[in-house]
């Protein structure tokens, strides 16, 4: 599956593709949202989940790889908190 094929899918189809072909890499909480990063074949996907509504708000292919830096920085902060 290419990123273009993934983008053309419905939200439900994208969810199934993530379950079947995606690898969950990490999760970051930002307010009332859980931001999940997945690797699917040769691209990355971000899933935004609302804690309040208990539903997925958005599934988006990451085209700007600098957005992944946010996940790395947040994970480094969490590791430092657990070490102290």
C-alpha atoms as a PDB file:
ATOM      1  CA  UNK A   1       0.000   0.000   0.000  1.00  0.00           C
ATOM      2  CA  UNK A   2       1.272   3.461  -0.871  1.00  0.00           C
ATOM      3  CA  UNK A   3       0.667   6.607   1.125  1.00  0.00           C
ATOM      4  CA  UNK A   4      -1.571   7.857  -1.708  1.00  0.00           C
ATOM      5  CA  UNK A   5      -3.725   4.715  -1.483  1.00  0.00           C
ATOM      6  CA  UNK A   6      -3.956   5.154   2.292  1.00  0.00           C
ATOM      7  CA  UNK A   7      -5.028   8.798   1.945  1.00  0.00           C
ATOM      8  CA  UNK A   8      -7.854   7.801  -0.436  1.00  0.00           C
ATOM      9  CA  UNK A   9      -9.334   5.333   2.084  1.00  0.00           C
ATOM     10  CA  UNK A  10     -12.257   6.098   4.369  1.00  0.00           C
ATOM     11  CA  UNK A  11     -11.571   6.604   8.079  1.00  0.00           C
ATOM     12  CA  UNK A  12     -12.780   3.053   8.815  1.00  0.00           C
ATOM     13  CA  UNK A  13     -10.545   1.607   6.076  1.00  0.00           C
ATOM     14  CA  UNK A  14      -7.574   3.578   7.381  1.00  0.00           C
ATOM     15  CA  UNK A  15      -8.222   2.208  10.864  1.00  0.00           C
ATOM     16  CA  UNK A  16      -8.282  -1.359   9.553  1.00  0.00           C
ATOM     17  CA  UNK A  17      -5.094  -0.754   7.563  1.00  0.00           C
ATOM     18  CA  UNK A  18      -3.376   0.464  10.733  1.00  0.00           C
ATOM     19  CA  UNK A  19      -4.536  -2.617  12.645  1.00  0.00           C
ATOM     20  CA  UNK A  20      -3.422  -4.995   9.883  1.00  0.00           C
ATOM     21  CA  UNK A  21      -0.298  -3.317   8.505  1.00  0.00           C
ATOM     22  CA  UNK A  22       0.707  -0.596  10.950  1.00  0.00           C
ATOM     23  CA  UNK A  23       3.233  -0.669  13.741  1.00  0.00           C
ATOM     24  CA  UNK A  24       2.430   1.511  16.770  1.00  0.00           C
ATOM     25  CA  UNK A  25       5.572   3.457  17.611  1.00  0.00           C
ATOM     26  CA  UNK A  26       4.622   5.761  20.465  1.00  0.00           C
ATOM     27  CA  UNK A  27       1.891   7.771  22.142  1.00  0.00           C
ATOM     28  CA  UNK A  28       1.911  11.298  23.561  1.00  0.00           C
ATOM     29  CA  UNK A  29      -0.851  12.926  25.587  1.00  0.00           C
ATOM     30  CA  UNK A  30      -1.617  16.557  24.801  1.00  0.00           C
ATOM     31  CA  UNK A  31      -4.470  17.894  26.898  1.00  0.00           C
ATOM     32  CA  UNK A  32      -7.499  15.693  26.301  1.00  0.00           C
ATOM     33  CA  UNK A  33      -6.004  14.089  23.213  1.00  0.00           C
ATOM     34  CA  UNK A  34      -3.840  11.025  22.750  1.00  0.00           C
ATOM     35  CA  UNK A  35      -1.546  11.425  19.767  1.00  0.00           C
ATOM     36  CA  UNK A  36      -0.391   8.081  18.379  1.00  0.00           C
ATOM     37  CA  UNK A  37       2.381   7.592  15.857  1.00  0.00           C
ATOM     38  CA  UNK A  38       2.318   4.595  13.510  1.00  0.00           C
ATOM     39  CA  UNK A  39       4.632   3.319  10.818  1.00  0.00           C
ATOM     40  CA  UNK A  40       2.862   1.841   7.791  1.00  0.00           C
ATOM     41  CA  UNK A  41       5.070   0.414   5.042  1.00  0.00           C
ATOM     42  CA  UNK A  42       7.255   3.408   4.067  1.00  0.00           C
ATOM     43  CA  UNK A  43       5.297   6.269   5.652  1.00  0.00           C
ATOM     44  CA  UNK A  44       4.139   7.521   9.057  1.00  0.00           C
ATOM     45  CA  UNK A  45       0.584   8.081  10.249  1.00  0.00           C
ATOM     46  CA  UNK A  46      -0.679  10.137  13.184  1.00  0.00           C
ATOM     47  CA  UNK A  47      -3.903   9.139  14.932  1.00  0.00           C
ATOM     48  CA  UNK A  48      -5.514  11.749  17.191  1.00  0.00           C
ATOM     49  CA  UNK A  49      -7.838  10.185  19.771  1.00  0.00           C
ATOM     50  CA  UNK A  50     -10.134  12.238  22.016  1.00  0.00           C
ATOM     51  CA  UNK A  51     -10.160  11.054  25.620  1.00  0.00           C
ATOM     52  CA  UNK A  52     -13.395  12.980  26.258  1.00  0.00           C
ATOM     53  CA  UNK A  53     -15.448  11.566  23.382  1.00  0.00           C
ATOM     54  CA  UNK A  54     -13.539   8.257  23.293  1.00  0.00           C
ATOM     55  CA  UNK A  55     -13.352   8.525  19.506  1.00  0.00           C
ATOM     56  CA  UNK A  56     -10.728   9.076  16.856  1.00  0.00           C
ATOM     57  CA  UNK A  57     -10.692  12.743  15.839  1.00  0.00           C
ATOM     58  CA  UNK A  58      -8.319  12.410  12.911  1.00  0.00           C
ATOM     59  CA  UNK A  59      -6.050  10.032  11.026  1.00  0.00           C
ATOM     60  CA  UNK A  60      -3.420  11.840   9.002  1.00  0.00           C
ATOM     61  CA  UNK A  61      -0.387  10.840   6.963  1.00  0.00           C
ATOM     62  CA  UNK A  62       2.668  12.756   8.144  1.00  0.00           C
ATOM     63  CA  UNK A  63       4.329  14.490   5.223  1.00  0.00           C
ATOM     64  CA  UNK A  64       6.486  16.847   7.308  1.00  0.00           C
ATOM     65  CA  UNK A  65       8.887  14.521   9.120  1.00  0.00           C
ATOM     66  CA  UNK A  66       9.826  17.270  11.583  1.00  0.00           C
ATOM     67  CA  UNK A  67       6.476  16.514  13.289  1.00  0.00           C
ATOM     68  CA  UNK A  68       8.038  13.263  14.480  1.00  0.00           C
ATOM     69  CA  UNK A  69      10.471  15.365  16.533  1.00  0.00           C
ATOM     70  CA  UNK A  70       7.554  16.240  18.840  1.00  0.00           C
ATOM     71  CA  UNK A  71       7.123  12.566  19.710  1.00  0.00           C
ATOM     72  CA  UNK A  72      10.851  12.116  20.315  1.00  0.00           C
ATOM     73  CA  UNK A  73      11.036  15.190  22.565  1.00  0.00           C
ATOM     74  CA  UNK A  74       7.982  14.150  24.596  1.00  0.00           C
ATOM     75  CA  UNK A  75       9.310  10.622  25.057  1.00  0.00           C
ATOM     76  CA  UNK A  76      12.652  11.993  26.232  1.00  0.00           C
ATOM     77  CA  UNK A  77      10.837  14.169  28.798  1.00  0.00           C
ATOM     78  CA  UNK A  78       8.893  11.145  30.066  1.00  0.00           C
ATOM     79  CA  UNK A  79      12.074   9.067  30.361  1.00  0.00           C
ATOM     80  CA  UNK A  80      13.730  11.806  32.431  1.00  0.00           C
ATOM     81  CA  UNK A  81      10.707  11.955  34.749  1.00  0.00           C
ATOM     82  CA  UNK A  82      10.830   8.197  35.306  1.00  0.00           C
ATOM     83  CA  UNK A  83      14.565   8.281  36.036  1.00  0.00           C
ATOM     84  CA  UNK A  84      14.222  10.925  38.759  1.00  0.00           C
END
